[in-house]
Amino acid sequence: MKTAVFSIILLGLTTQVLAQEGQVTIKQDPKINELVKLYTKAHENTGYYQIQVGFGNYNRAQELLDQVEIDFPDWYSKIEFESPTYRVRLGRFRTKLEAERKYLEVRKKYPDAMLLKPEEKKSKS
């Protein structure tokens, strides 16, 4: 008897759960995506430790970047231009401890690598 009552209650609750359906539509201004891209680009280095593996002219930097992407395929890497040279940077590390550990790993392959501190935000005076 208890099993029959329990089964009926369970069956009744199941139909209630299955009856709930809905659709959500989000309307968003297309300019929001542009703003997010601009924000990301403006703040891409802020707050991250990076490892500079080398520098030189554009061709040298591109060759180095290609090699870095082979050696460390899962890490973020890019070329940055700081007059007068192109610099190859690797990683985006939030903590100094994480950055130092990765730095030791990179130094085995690139002995001239340098650990770069995050850029400090400039305050408006």
PDB file of N, CA and C in Angstrom:
ATOM      1  N   MET A   1       0.813  -1.197   0.000  1.00  0.00           N
ATOM      2  CA  MET A   1       0.000   0.000   0.000  1.00  0.00           C
ATOM      3  C   MET A   1       0.863   1.271   0.000  1.00  0.00           C
ATOM      4  N   LYS A   2       1.888   1.264   0.863  1.00  0.00           N
ATOM      5  CA  LYS A   2       2.766   2.425   0.922  1.00  0.00           C
ATOM      6  C   LYS A   2       3.470   2.630  -0.419  1.00  0.00           C
ATOM      7  N   THR A   3       3.868   1.561  -1.060  1.00  0.00           N
ATOM      8  CA  THR A   3       4.566   1.659  -2.337  1.00  0.00           C
ATOM      9  C   THR A   3       3.656   2.244  -3.402  1.00  0.00           C
ATOM     10  N   ALA A   4       2.416   1.881  -3.418  1.00  0.00           N
ATOM     11  CA  ALA A   4       1.467   2.396  -4.412  1.00  0.00           C
ATOM     12  C   ALA A   4       1.246   3.895  -4.214  1.00  0.00           C
ATOM     13  N   VAL A   5       1.063   4.328  -2.970  1.00  0.00           N
ATOM     14  CA  VAL A   5       0.856   5.751  -2.671  1.00  0.00           C
ATOM     15  C   VAL A   5       2.106   6.550  -3.046  1.00  0.00           C
ATOM     16  N   PHE A   6       3.251   6.018  -2.681  1.00  0.00           N
ATOM     17  CA  PHE A   6       4.506   6.691  -3.002  1.00  0.00           C
ATOM     18  C   PHE A   6       4.692   6.799  -4.514  1.00  0.00           C
ATOM     19  N   SER A   7       4.365   5.738  -5.247  1.00  0.00           N
ATOM     20  CA  SER A   7       4.491   5.747  -6.716  1.00  0.00           C
ATOM     21  C   SER A   7       3.565   6.771  -7.343  1.00  0.00           C
ATOM     22  N   ILE A   8       2.344   6.902  -6.835  1.00  0.00           N
ATOM     23  CA  ILE A   8       1.387   7.880  -7.370  1.00  0.00           C
ATOM     24  C   ILE A   8       1.890   9.303  -7.119  1.00  0.00           C
ATOM     25  N   ILE A   9       2.400   9.554  -5.931  1.00  0.00           N
ATOM     26  CA  ILE A   9       2.928  10.893  -5.610  1.00  0.00           C
ATOM     27  C   ILE A   9       4.136  11.203  -6.499  1.00  0.00           C
ATOM     28  N   LEU A  10       5.020  10.251  -6.653  1.00  0.00           N
ATOM     29  CA  LEU A  10       6.203  10.438  -7.481  1.00  0.00           C
ATOM     30  C   LEU A  10       5.829  10.683  -8.932  1.00  0.00           C
ATOM     31  N   LEU A  11       4.853   9.953  -9.441  1.00  0.00           N
ATOM     32  CA  LEU A  11       4.382  10.136 -10.811  1.00  0.00           C
ATOM     33  C   LEU A  11       3.757  11.522 -10.985  1.00  0.00           C
ATOM     34  N   GLY A  12       3.004  11.977  -9.992  1.00  0.00           N
ATOM     35  CA  GLY A  12       2.391  13.309 -10.046  1.00  0.00           C
ATOM     36  C   GLY A  12       3.435  14.416 -10.057  1.00  0.00           C
ATOM     37  N   LEU A  13       4.476  14.285  -9.251  1.00  0.00           N
ATOM     38  CA  LEU A  13       5.541  15.287  -9.223  1.00  0.00           C
ATOM     39  C   LEU A  13       6.336  15.282 -10.523  1.00  0.00           C
ATOM     40  N   THR A  14       6.539  14.122 -11.104  1.00  0.00           N
ATOM     41  CA  THR A  14       7.293  14.019 -12.349  1.00  0.00           C
ATOM     42  C   THR A  14       6.592  14.760 -13.474  1.00  0.00           C
ATOM     43  N   THR A  15       5.272  14.652 -13.562  1.00  0.00           N
ATOM     44  CA  THR A  15       4.540  15.352 -14.620  1.00  0.00           C
ATOM     45  C   THR A  15       4.618  16.856 -14.425  1.00  0.00           C
ATOM     46  N   GLN A  16       4.686  17.306 -13.187  1.00  0.00           N
ATOM     47  CA  GLN A  16       4.811  18.738 -12.926  1.00  0.00           C
ATOM     48  C   GLN A  16       6.176  19.254 -13.373  1.00  0.00           C
ATOM     49  N   VAL A  17       7.219  18.475 -13.148  1.00  0.00           N
ATOM     50  CA  VAL A  17       8.569  18.879 -13.524  1.00  0.00           C
ATOM     51  C   VAL A  17       8.706  18.927 -15.039  1.00  0.00           C
ATOM     52  N   LEU A  18       8.155  17.978 -15.732  1.00  0.00           N
ATOM     53  CA  LEU A  18       8.264  17.921 -17.177  1.00  0.00           C
ATOM     54  C   LEU A  18       7.431  18.989 -17.877  1.00  0.00           C
ATOM     55  N   ALA A  19       6.461  19.547 -17.189  1.00  0.00           N
ATOM     56  CA  ALA A  19       5.575  20.520 -17.812  1.00  0.00           C
ATOM     57  C   ALA A  19       6.191  21.912 -17.919  1.00  0.00           C
ATOM     58  N   GLN A  20       7.330  22.114 -17.277  1.00  0.00           N
ATOM     59  CA  GLN A  20       7.922  23.443 -17.273  1.00  0.00           C
ATOM     60  C   GLN A  20       8.879  23.606 -18.446  1.00  0.00           C
ATOM     61  N   GLU A  21       8.477  24.425 -19.407  1.00  0.00           N
ATOM     62  CA  GLU A  21       9.308  24.752 -20.544  1.00  0.00           C
ATOM     63  C   GLU A  21       9.268  26.259 -20.736  1.00  0.00           C
ATOM     64  N   GLY A  22      10.290  26.784 -21.353  1.00  0.00           N
ATOM     65  CA  GLY A  22      10.303  28.219 -21.589  1.00  0.00           C
ATOM     66  C   GLY A  22      11.375  28.595 -22.595  1.00  0.00           C
ATOM     67  N   GLN A  23      11.322  29.827 -23.020  1.00  0.00           N
ATOM     68  CA  GLN A  23      12.302  30.331 -23.969  1.00  0.00           C
ATOM     69  C   GLN A  23      12.690  31.726 -23.527  1.00  0.00           C
ATOM     70  N   VAL A  24      13.989  31.981 -23.521  1.00  0.00           N
ATOM     71  CA  VAL A  24      14.503  33.285 -23.129  1.00  0.00           C
ATOM     72  C   VAL A  24      15.141  33.929 -24.347  1.00  0.00           C
ATOM     73  N   THR A  25      14.751  35.144 -24.632  1.00  0.00           N
ATOM     74  CA  THR A  25      15.338  35.884 -25.739  1.00  0.00           C
ATOM     75  C   THR A  25      16.022  37.118 -25.164  1.00  0.00           C
ATOM     76  N   ILE A  26      17.289  37.273 -25.513  1.00  0.00           N
ATOM     77  CA  ILE A  26      18.048  38.428 -25.037  1.00  0.00           C
ATOM     78  C   ILE A  26      18.323  39.332 -26.227  1.00  0.00           C
ATOM     79  N   LYS A  27      17.904  40.568 -26.095  1.00  0.00           N
ATOM     80  CA  LYS A  27      18.181  41.550 -27.134  1.00  0.00           C
ATOM     81  C   LYS A  27      19.290  42.452 -26.613  1.00  0.00           C
ATOM     82  N   GLN A  28      20.361  42.507 -27.378  1.00  0.00           N
ATOM     83  CA  GLN A  28      21.536  43.247 -26.942  1.00  0.00           C
ATOM     84  C   GLN A  28      21.972  44.200 -28.044  1.00  0.00           C
ATOM     85  N   ASP A  29      22.348  45.380 -27.641  1.00  0.00           N
ATOM     86  CA  ASP A  29      22.858  46.368 -28.586  1.00  0.00           C
ATOM     87  C   ASP A  29      24.161  45.855 -29.185  1.00  0.00           C
ATOM     88  N   PRO A  30      24.317  45.843 -30.508  1.00  0.00           N
ATOM     89  CA  PRO A  30      25.548  45.325 -31.122  1.00  0.00           C
ATOM     90  C   PRO A  30      26.806  46.111 -30.736  1.00  0.00           C
ATOM     91  N   LYS A  31      26.657  47.315 -30.261  1.00  0.00           N
ATOM     92  CA  LYS A  31      27.816  48.114 -29.864  1.00  0.00           C
ATOM     93  C   LYS A  31      28.468  47.575 -28.593  1.00  0.00           C
ATOM     94  N   ILE A  32      27.738  46.773 -27.834  1.00  0.00           N
ATOM     95  CA  ILE A  32      28.304  46.200 -26.606  1.00  0.00           C
ATOM     96  C   ILE A  32      29.478  45.296 -26.944  1.00  0.00           C
ATOM     97  N   ASN A  33      29.352  44.499 -28.001  1.00  0.00           N
ATOM     98  CA  ASN A  33      30.461  43.632 -28.402  1.00  0.00           C
ATOM     99  C   ASN A  33      31.693  44.440 -28.774  1.00  0.00           C
ATOM    100  N   GLU A  34      31.490  45.567 -29.451  1.00  0.00           N
ATOM    101  CA  GLU A  34      32.616  46.440 -29.801  1.00  0.00           C
ATOM    102  C   GLU A  34      33.281  46.993 -28.546  1.00  0.00           C
ATOM    103  N   LEU A  35      32.472  47.397 -27.573  1.00  0.00           N
ATOM    104  CA  LEU A  35      33.023  47.924 -26.325  1.00  0.00           C
ATOM    105  C   LEU A  35      33.815  46.859 -25.578  1.00  0.00           C
ATOM    106  N   VAL A  36      33.323  45.638 -25.563  1.00  0.00           N
ATOM    107  CA  VAL A  36      34.027  44.555 -24.879  1.00  0.00           C
ATOM    108  C   VAL A  36      35.370  44.301 -25.548  1.00  0.00           C
ATOM    109  N   LYS A  37      35.414  44.329 -26.880  1.00  0.00           N
ATOM    110  CA  LYS A  37      36.673  44.137 -27.595  1.00  0.00           C
ATOM    111  C   LYS A  37      37.664  45.257 -27.288  1.00  0.00           C
ATOM    112  N   LEU A  38      37.184  46.495 -27.268  1.00  0.00           N
ATOM    113  CA  LEU A  38      38.059  47.627 -26.943  1.00  0.00           C
ATOM    114  C   LEU A  38      38.590  47.525 -25.520  1.00  0.00           C
ATOM    115  N   TYR A  39      37.722  47.166 -24.592  1.00  0.00           N
ATOM    116  CA  TYR A  39      38.124  47.035 -23.191  1.00  0.00           C
ATOM    117  C   TYR A  39      39.185  45.944 -23.046  1.00  0.00           C
ATOM    118  N   THR A  40      38.948  44.807 -23.706  1.00  0.00           N
ATOM    119  CA  THR A  40      39.888  43.696 -23.633  1.00  0.00           C
ATOM    120  C   THR A  40      41.245  44.094 -24.187  1.00  0.00           C
ATOM    121  N   LYS A  41      41.244  44.776 -25.312  1.00  0.00           N
ATOM    122  CA  LYS A  41      42.506  45.188 -25.926  1.00  0.00           C
ATOM    123  C   LYS A  41      43.253  46.192 -25.042  1.00  0.00           C
ATOM    124  N   ALA A  42      42.523  47.131 -24.453  1.00  0.00           N
ATOM    125  CA  ALA A  42      43.154  48.161 -23.621  1.00  0.00           C
ATOM    126  C   ALA A  42      43.734  47.580 -22.333  1.00  0.00           C
ATOM    127  N   HIS A  43      43.144  46.499 -21.841  1.00  0.00           N
ATOM    128  CA  HIS A  43      43.568  45.948 -20.559  1.00  0.00           C
ATOM    129  C   HIS A  43      44.217  44.576 -20.676  1.00  0.00           C
ATOM    130  N   GLU A  44      44.689  44.208 -21.852  1.00  0.00           N
ATOM    131  CA  GLU A  44      45.205  42.860 -22.014  1.00  0.00           C
ATOM    132  C   GLU A  44      46.490  42.600 -21.245  1.00  0.00           C
ATOM    133  N   ASN A  45      47.296  43.601 -20.962  1.00  0.00           N
ATOM    134  CA  ASN A  45      48.532  43.385 -20.204  1.00  0.00           C
ATOM    135  C   ASN A  45      48.393  43.760 -18.732  1.00  0.00           C
ATOM    136  N   THR A  46      47.406  44.519 -18.390  1.00  0.00           N
ATOM    137  CA  THR A  46      47.263  45.015 -17.036  1.00  0.00           C
ATOM    138  C   THR A  46      47.049  43.863 -16.061  1.00  0.00           C
ATOM    139  N   GLY A  47      47.886  43.801 -15.064  1.00  0.00           N
ATOM    140  CA  GLY A  47      47.705  42.823 -14.010  1.00  0.00           C
ATOM    141  C   GLY A  47      48.293  41.454 -14.280  1.00  0.00           C
ATOM    142  N   TYR A  48      49.058  41.287 -15.320  1.00  0.00           N
ATOM    143  CA  TYR A  48      49.633  39.987 -15.639  1.00  0.00           C
ATOM    144  C   TYR A  48      51.154  40.045 -15.631  1.00  0.00           C
ATOM    145  N   TYR A  49      51.751  39.003 -15.072  1.00  0.00           N
ATOM    146  CA  TYR A  49      53.183  38.815 -15.236  1.00  0.00           C
ATOM    147  C   TYR A  49      53.379  38.158 -16.597  1.00  0.00           C
ATOM    148  N   GLN A  50      54.437  38.530 -17.293  1.00  0.00           N
ATOM    149  CA  GLN A  50      54.755  37.925 -18.576  1.00  0.00           C
ATOM    150  C   GLN A  50      56.238  37.605 -18.620  1.00  0.00           C
ATOM    151  N   ILE A  51      56.596  36.722 -19.544  1.00  0.00           N
ATOM    152  CA  ILE A  51      57.994  36.362 -19.733  1.00  0.00           C
ATOM    153  C   ILE A  51      58.390  36.821 -21.127  1.00  0.00           C
ATOM    154  N   GLN A  52      59.415  37.652 -21.186  1.00  0.00           N
ATOM    155  CA  GLN A  52      59.932  38.088 -22.487  1.00  0.00           C
ATOM    156  C   GLN A  52      61.052  37.137 -22.871  1.00  0.00           C
ATOM    157  N   VAL A  53      60.847  36.431 -23.991  1.00  0.00           N
ATOM    158  CA  VAL A  53      61.831  35.424 -24.392  1.00  0.00           C
ATOM    159  C   VAL A  53      62.877  35.969 -25.354  1.00  0.00           C
ATOM    160  N   GLY A  54      62.606  37.105 -25.969  1.00  0.00           N
ATOM    161  CA  GLY A  54      63.586  37.676 -26.880  1.00  0.00           C
ATOM    162  C   GLY A  54      63.041  38.884 -27.608  1.00  0.00           C
ATOM    163  N   PHE A  55      63.909  39.494 -28.429  1.00  0.00           N
ATOM    164  CA  PHE A  55      63.498  40.675 -29.188  1.00  0.00           C
ATOM    165  C   PHE A  55      64.379  40.814 -30.405  1.00  0.00           C
ATOM    166  N   GLY A  56      64.014  41.732 -31.270  1.00  0.00           N
ATOM    167  CA  GLY A  56      64.790  41.983 -32.483  1.00  0.00           C
ATOM    168  C   GLY A  56      63.908  42.611 -33.540  1.00  0.00           C
ATOM    169  N   ASN A  57      64.327  42.473 -34.808  1.00  0.00           N
ATOM    170  CA  ASN A  57      63.490  43.009 -35.883  1.00  0.00           C
ATOM    171  C   ASN A  57      62.267  42.104 -36.054  1.00  0.00           C
ATOM    172  N   TYR A  58      61.353  42.505 -36.924  1.00  0.00           N
ATOM    173  CA  TYR A  58      60.095  41.765 -37.044  1.00  0.00           C
ATOM    174  C   TYR A  58      60.314  40.317 -37.480  1.00  0.00           C
ATOM    175  N   ASN A  59      61.194  40.090 -38.444  1.00  0.00           N
ATOM    176  CA  ASN A  59      61.433  38.727 -38.919  1.00  0.00           C
ATOM    177  C   ASN A  59      61.997  37.840 -37.813  1.00  0.00           C
ATOM    178  N   ARG A  60      62.952  38.359 -37.062  1.00  0.00           N
ATOM    179  CA  ARG A  60      63.530  37.609 -35.938  1.00  0.00           C
ATOM    180  C   ARG A  60      62.464  37.313 -34.884  1.00  0.00           C
ATOM    181  N   ALA A  61      61.626  38.305 -34.590  1.00  0.00           N
ATOM    182  CA  ALA A  61      60.571  38.120 -33.595  1.00  0.00           C
ATOM    183  C   ALA A  61      59.552  37.078 -34.066  1.00  0.00           C
ATOM    184  N   GLN A  62      59.223  37.092 -35.340  1.00  0.00           N
ATOM    185  CA  GLN A  62      58.257  36.121 -35.873  1.00  0.00           C
ATOM    186  C   GLN A  62      58.820  34.703 -35.800  1.00  0.00           C
ATOM    187  N   GLU A  63      60.106  34.547 -36.137  1.00  0.00           N
ATOM    188  CA  GLU A  63      60.749  33.235 -36.032  1.00  0.00           C
ATOM    189  C   GLU A  63      60.752  32.745 -34.580  1.00  0.00           C
ATOM    190  N   LEU A  64      61.065  33.656 -33.666  1.00  0.00           N
ATOM    191  CA  LEU A  64      61.088  33.307 -32.252  1.00  0.00           C
ATOM    192  C   LEU A  64      59.692  32.946 -31.753  1.00  0.00           C
ATOM    193  N   LEU A  65      58.693  33.696 -32.186  1.00  0.00           N
ATOM    194  CA  LEU A  65      57.315  33.401 -31.792  1.00  0.00           C
ATOM    195  C   LEU A  65      56.889  32.021 -32.294  1.00  0.00           C
ATOM    196  N   ASP A  66      57.234  31.702 -33.526  1.00  0.00           N
ATOM    197  CA  ASP A  66      56.904  30.386 -34.077  1.00  0.00           C
ATOM    198  C   ASP A  66      57.533  29.275 -33.233  1.00  0.00           C
ATOM    199  N   GLN A  67      58.784  29.479 -32.813  1.00  0.00           N
ATOM    200  CA  GLN A  67      59.463  28.476 -31.993  1.00  0.00           C
ATOM    201  C   GLN A  67      58.839  28.383 -30.601  1.00  0.00           C
ATOM    202  N   VAL A  68      58.483  29.530 -30.025  1.00  0.00           N
ATOM    203  CA  VAL A  68      57.862  29.557 -28.700  1.00  0.00           C
ATOM    204  C   VAL A  68      56.517  28.827 -28.735  1.00  0.00           C
ATOM    205  N   GLU A  69      55.760  29.011 -29.813  1.00  0.00           N
ATOM    206  CA  GLU A  69      54.459  28.340 -29.918  1.00  0.00           C
ATOM    207  C   GLU A  69      54.609  26.834 -30.065  1.00  0.00           C
ATOM    208  N   ILE A  70      55.744  26.382 -30.575  1.00  0.00           N
ATOM    209  CA  ILE A  70      56.022  24.942 -30.635  1.00  0.00           C
ATOM    210  C   ILE A  70      56.433  24.435 -29.247  1.00  0.00           C
ATOM    211  N   ASP A  71      57.303  25.196 -28.566  1.00  0.00           N
ATOM    212  CA  ASP A  71      57.815  24.780 -27.264  1.00  0.00           C
ATOM    213  C   ASP A  71      56.758  24.857 -26.152  1.00  0.00           C
ATOM    214  N   PHE A  72      55.890  25.856 -26.220  1.00  0.00           N
ATOM    215  CA  PHE A  72      54.872  26.071 -25.190  1.00  0.00           C
ATOM    216  C   PHE A  72      53.512  26.288 -25.865  1.00  0.00           C
ATOM    217  N   PRO A  73      52.929  25.253 -26.458  1.00  0.00           N
ATOM    218  CA  PRO A  73      51.729  25.424 -27.283  1.00  0.00           C
ATOM    219  C   PRO A  73      50.476  25.872 -26.525  1.00  0.00           C
ATOM    220  N   ASP A  74      50.395  25.593 -25.247  1.00  0.00           N
ATOM    221  CA  ASP A  74      49.186  25.940 -24.489  1.00  0.00           C
ATOM    222  C   ASP A  74      49.260  27.306 -23.817  1.00  0.00           C
ATOM    223  N   TRP A  75      50.365  27.993 -23.965  1.00  0.00           N
ATOM    224  CA  TRP A  75      50.545  29.285 -23.317  1.00  0.00           C
ATOM    225  C   TRP A  75      50.203  30.411 -24.279  1.00  0.00           C
ATOM    226  N   TYR A  76      49.731  31.507 -23.718  1.00  0.00           N
ATOM    227  CA  TYR A  76      49.461  32.723 -24.486  1.00  0.00           C
ATOM    228  C   TYR A  76      50.799  33.313 -24.932  1.00  0.00           C
ATOM    229  N   SER A  77      50.918  33.675 -26.213  1.00  0.00           N
ATOM    230  CA  SER A  77      52.156  34.289 -26.709  1.00  0.00           C
ATOM    231  C   SER A  77      51.813  35.331 -27.766  1.00  0.00           C
ATOM    232  N   LYS A  78      52.674  36.349 -27.867  1.00  0.00           N
ATOM    233  CA  LYS A  78      52.434  37.406 -28.850  1.00  0.00           C
ATOM    234  C   LYS A  78      53.701  38.208 -29.083  1.00  0.00           C
ATOM    235  N   ILE A  79      53.633  39.020 -30.141  1.00  0.00           N
ATOM    236  CA  ILE A  79      54.707  39.964 -30.451  1.00  0.00           C
ATOM    237  C   ILE A  79      54.190  41.355 -30.104  1.00  0.00           C
ATOM    238  N   GLU A  80      55.003  42.112 -29.382  1.00  0.00           N
ATOM    239  CA  GLU A  80      54.665  43.501 -29.069  1.00  0.00           C
ATOM    240  C   GLU A  80      55.753  44.398 -29.636  1.00  0.00           C
ATOM    241  N   PHE A  81      55.343  45.523 -30.174  1.00  0.00           N
ATOM    242  CA  PHE A  81      56.309  46.481 -30.700  1.00  0.00           C
ATOM    243  C   PHE A  81      56.523  47.579 -29.676  1.00  0.00           C
ATOM    244  N   GLU A  82      57.761  47.719 -29.248  1.00  0.00           N
ATOM    245  CA  GLU A  82      58.179  48.830 -28.397  1.00  0.00           C
ATOM    246  C   GLU A  82      59.400  49.412 -29.081  1.00  0.00           C
ATOM    247  N   SER A  83      59.251  50.593 -29.576  1.00  0.00           N
ATOM    248  CA  SER A  83      60.264  51.221 -30.409  1.00  0.00           C
ATOM    249  C   SER A  83      61.645  51.086 -29.789  1.00  0.00           C
ATOM    250  N   PRO A  84      62.604  50.648 -30.491  1.00  0.00           N
ATOM    251  CA  PRO A  84      62.691  50.353 -31.912  1.00  0.00           C
ATOM    252  C   PRO A  84      62.612  48.849 -32.233  1.00  0.00           C
ATOM    253  N   THR A  85      62.219  47.993 -31.266  1.00  0.00           N
ATOM    254  CA  THR A  85      62.284  46.548 -31.508  1.00  0.00           C
ATOM    255  C   THR A  85      60.944  45.857 -31.280  1.00  0.00           C
ATOM    256  N   TYR A  86      60.852  44.655 -31.810  1.00  0.00           N
ATOM    257  CA  TYR A  86      59.707  43.779 -31.579  1.00  0.00           C
ATOM    258  C   TYR A  86      60.093  42.803 -30.475  1.00  0.00           C
ATOM    259  N   ARG A  87      59.195  42.626 -29.514  1.00  0.00           N
ATOM    260  CA  ARG A  87      59.491  41.782 -28.362  1.00  0.00           C
ATOM    261  C   ARG A  87      58.511  40.611 -28.333  1.00  0.00           C
ATOM    262  N   VAL A  88      59.022  39.429 -28.047  1.00  0.00           N
ATOM    263  CA  VAL A  88      58.176  38.238 -27.967  1.00  0.00           C
ATOM    264  C   VAL A  88      57.895  37.965 -26.496  1.00  0.00           C
ATOM    265  N   ARG A  89      56.603  37.970 -26.166  1.00  0.00           N
ATOM    266  CA  ARG A  89      56.173  37.797 -24.780  1.00  0.00           C
ATOM    267  C   ARG A  89      55.352  36.520 -24.655  1.00  0.00           C
ATOM    268  N   LEU A  90      55.460  35.911 -23.512  1.00  0.00           N
ATOM    269  CA  LEU A  90      54.850  34.619 -23.287  1.00  0.00           C
ATOM    270  C   LEU A  90      54.118  34.608 -21.955  1.00  0.00           C
ATOM    271  N   GLY A  91      52.914  34.075 -21.953  1.00  0.00           N
ATOM    272  CA  GLY A  91      52.173  33.869 -20.718  1.00  0.00           C
ATOM    273  C   GLY A  91      51.407  35.077 -20.238  1.00  0.00           C
ATOM    274  N   ARG A  92      50.424  34.774 -19.395  1.00  0.00           N
ATOM    275  CA  ARG A  92      49.638  35.785 -18.688  1.00  0.00           C
ATOM    276  C   ARG A  92      49.393  35.214 -17.297  1.00  0.00           C
ATOM    277  N   PHE A  93      50.301  35.513 -16.386  1.00  0.00           N
ATOM    278  CA  PHE A  93      50.272  34.903 -15.069  1.00  0.00           C
ATOM    279  C   PHE A  93      49.763  35.899 -14.041  1.00  0.00           C
ATOM    280  N   ARG A  94      48.780  35.486 -13.272  1.00  0.00           N
ATOM    281  CA  ARG A  94      48.172  36.369 -12.276  1.00  0.00           C
ATOM    282  C   ARG A  94      49.059  36.561 -11.049  1.00  0.00           C
ATOM    283  N   THR A  95      49.716  35.484 -10.606  1.00  0.00           N
ATOM    284  CA  THR A  95      50.504  35.585  -9.372  1.00  0.00           C
ATOM    285  C   THR A  95      51.995  35.530  -9.674  1.00  0.00           C
ATOM    286  N   LYS A  96      52.751  36.120  -8.802  1.00  0.00           N
ATOM    287  CA  LYS A  96      54.206  36.129  -8.959  1.00  0.00           C
ATOM    288  C   LYS A  96      54.766  34.716  -8.815  1.00  0.00           C
ATOM    289  N   LEU A  97      54.185  33.935  -7.913  1.00  0.00           N
ATOM    290  CA  LEU A  97      54.652  32.572  -7.701  1.00  0.00           C
ATOM    291  C   LEU A  97      54.486  31.728  -8.963  1.00  0.00           C
ATOM    292  N   GLU A  98      53.320  31.801  -9.571  1.00  0.00           N
ATOM    293  CA  GLU A  98      53.077  31.063 -10.813  1.00  0.00           C
ATOM    294  C   GLU A  98      54.045  31.518 -11.909  1.00  0.00           C
ATOM    295  N   ALA A  99      54.231  32.831 -12.013  1.00  0.00           N
ATOM    296  CA  ALA A  99      55.121  33.384 -13.033  1.00  0.00           C
ATOM    297  C   ALA A  99      56.562  32.927 -12.826  1.00  0.00           C
ATOM    298  N   GLU A 100      57.025  32.916 -11.590  1.00  0.00           N
ATOM    299  CA  GLU A 100      58.395  32.494 -11.317  1.00  0.00           C
ATOM    300  C   GLU A 100      58.608  31.020 -11.628  1.00  0.00           C
ATOM    301  N   ARG A 101      57.620  30.200 -11.343  1.00  0.00           N
ATOM    302  CA  ARG A 101      57.730  28.771 -11.669  1.00  0.00           C
ATOM    303  C   ARG A 101      57.820  28.561 -13.181  1.00  0.00           C
ATOM    304  N   LYS A 102      56.975  29.254 -13.917  1.00  0.00           N
ATOM    305  CA  LYS A 102      56.989  29.127 -15.373  1.00  0.00           C
ATOM    306  C   LYS A 102      58.272  29.726 -15.956  1.00  0.00           C
ATOM    307  N   TYR A 103      58.746  30.790 -15.320  1.00  0.00           N
ATOM    308  CA  TYR A 103      59.976  31.443 -15.761  1.00  0.00           C
ATOM    309  C   TYR A 103      61.157  30.475 -15.693  1.00  0.00           C
ATOM    310  N   LEU A 104      61.226  29.708 -14.608  1.00  0.00           N
ATOM    311  CA  LEU A 104      62.306  28.728 -14.480  1.00  0.00           C
ATOM    312  C   LEU A 104      62.220  27.674 -15.580  1.00  0.00           C
ATOM    313  N   GLU A 105      61.011  27.303 -15.938  1.00  0.00           N
ATOM    314  CA  GLU A 105      60.809  26.337 -17.017  1.00  0.00           C
ATOM    315  C   GLU A 105      61.251  26.921 -18.369  1.00  0.00           C
ATOM    316  N   VAL A 106      60.913  28.189 -18.608  1.00  0.00           N
ATOM    317  CA  VAL A 106      61.262  28.841 -19.870  1.00  0.00           C
ATOM    318  C   VAL A 106      62.767  29.061 -19.971  1.00  0.00           C
ATOM    319  N   ARG A 107      63.418  29.386 -18.864  1.00  0.00           N
ATOM    320  CA  ARG A 107      64.867  29.656 -18.875  1.00  0.00           C
ATOM    321  C   ARG A 107      65.678  28.452 -19.330  1.00  0.00           C
ATOM    322  N   LYS A 108      65.144  27.237 -19.160  1.00  0.00           N
ATOM    323  CA  LYS A 108      65.857  26.044 -19.622  1.00  0.00           C
ATOM    324  C   LYS A 108      66.005  26.064 -21.138  1.00  0.00           C
ATOM    325  N   LYS A 109      65.008  26.571 -21.828  1.00  0.00           N
ATOM    326  CA  LYS A 109      65.025  26.602 -23.286  1.00  0.00           C
ATOM    327  C   LYS A 109      65.536  27.952 -23.819  1.00  0.00           C
ATOM    328  N   TYR A 110      65.202  29.042 -23.092  1.00  0.00           N
ATOM    329  CA  TYR A 110      65.588  30.399 -23.512  1.00  0.00           C
ATOM    330  C   TYR A 110      66.325  31.072 -22.352  1.00  0.00           C
ATOM    331  N   PRO A 111      67.643  30.913 -22.272  1.00  0.00           N
ATOM    332  CA  PRO A 111      68.408  31.434 -21.131  1.00  0.00           C
ATOM    333  C   PRO A 111      68.372  32.953 -20.989  1.00  0.00           C
ATOM    334  N   ASP A 112      68.089  33.679 -22.069  1.00  0.00           N
ATOM    335  CA  ASP A 112      68.053  35.140 -21.998  1.00  0.00           C
ATOM    336  C   ASP A 112      66.678  35.691 -21.619  1.00  0.00           C
ATOM    337  N   ALA A 113      65.737  34.816 -21.287  1.00  0.00           N
ATOM    338  CA  ALA A 113      64.375  35.256 -20.964  1.00  0.00           C
ATOM    339  C   ALA A 113      64.372  36.143 -19.719  1.00  0.00           C
ATOM    340  N   MET A 114      63.377  37.041 -19.665  1.00  0.00           N
ATOM    341  CA  MET A 114      63.234  37.953 -18.527  1.00  0.00           C
ATOM    342  C   MET A 114      61.799  37.889 -18.014  1.00  0.00           C
ATOM    343  N   LEU A 115      61.625  37.936 -16.708  1.00  0.00           N
ATOM    344  CA  LEU A 115      60.305  37.977 -16.098  1.00  0.00           C
ATOM    345  C   LEU A 115      59.883  39.433 -15.984  1.00  0.00           C
ATOM    346  N   LEU A 116      58.716  39.765 -16.521  1.00  0.00           N
ATOM    347  CA  LEU A 116      58.222  41.138 -16.507  1.00  0.00           C
ATOM    348  C   LEU A 116      57.087  41.276 -15.506  1.00  0.00           C
ATOM    349  N   LYS A 117      57.162  42.314 -14.708  1.00  0.00           N
ATOM    350  CA  LYS A 117      56.110  42.605 -13.726  1.00  0.00           C
ATOM    351  C   LYS A 117      54.900  43.203 -14.453  1.00  0.00           C
ATOM    352  N   PRO A 118      53.713  43.106 -13.831  1.00  0.00           N
ATOM    353  CA  PRO A 118      52.541  43.720 -14.461  1.00  0.00           C
ATOM    354  C   PRO A 118      52.672  45.229 -14.518  1.00  0.00           C
ATOM    355  N   GLU A 119      52.071  45.796 -15.552  1.00  0.00           N
ATOM    356  CA  GLU A 119      52.066  47.255 -15.660  1.00  0.00           C
ATOM    357  C   GLU A 119      51.145  47.806 -14.600  1.00  0.00           C
ATOM    358  N   GLU A 120      51.576  48.857 -13.952  1.00  0.00           N
ATOM    359  CA  GLU A 120      50.741  49.486 -12.946  1.00  0.00           C
ATOM    360  C   GLU A 120      49.783  50.442 -13.613  1.00  0.00           C
ATOM    361  N   LYS A 121      48.560  50.466 -13.085  1.00  0.00           N
ATOM    362  CA  LYS A 121      47.562  51.389 -13.628  1.00  0.00           C
ATOM    363  C   LYS A 121      47.945  52.808 -13.247  1.00  0.00           C
ATOM    364  N   LYS A 122      47.855  53.673 -14.197  1.00  0.00           N
ATOM    365  CA  LYS A 122      48.187  55.067 -13.949  1.00  0.00           C
ATOM    366  C   LYS A 122      46.980  55.774 -13.385  1.00  0.00           C
ATOM    367  N   SER A 123      47.190  56.457 -12.274  1.00  0.00           N
ATOM    368  CA  SER A 123      46.069  57.187 -11.653  1.00  0.00           C
ATOM    369  C   SER A 123      45.957  58.570 -12.270  1.00  0.00           C
ATOM    370  N   LYS A 124      44.732  59.040 -12.347  1.00  0.00           N
ATOM    371  CA  LYS A 124      44.491  60.369 -12.906  1.00  0.00           C
ATOM    372  C   LYS A 124      44.677  61.407 -11.820  1.00  0.00           C
ATOM    373  N   SER A 125      45.510  62.373 -12.074  1.00  0.00           N
ATOM    374  CA  SER A 125      45.767  63.403 -11.058  1.00  0.00           C
ATOM    375  C   SER A 125      45.109  64.695 -11.438  1.00  0.00           C
TER     376      SER A 125
END
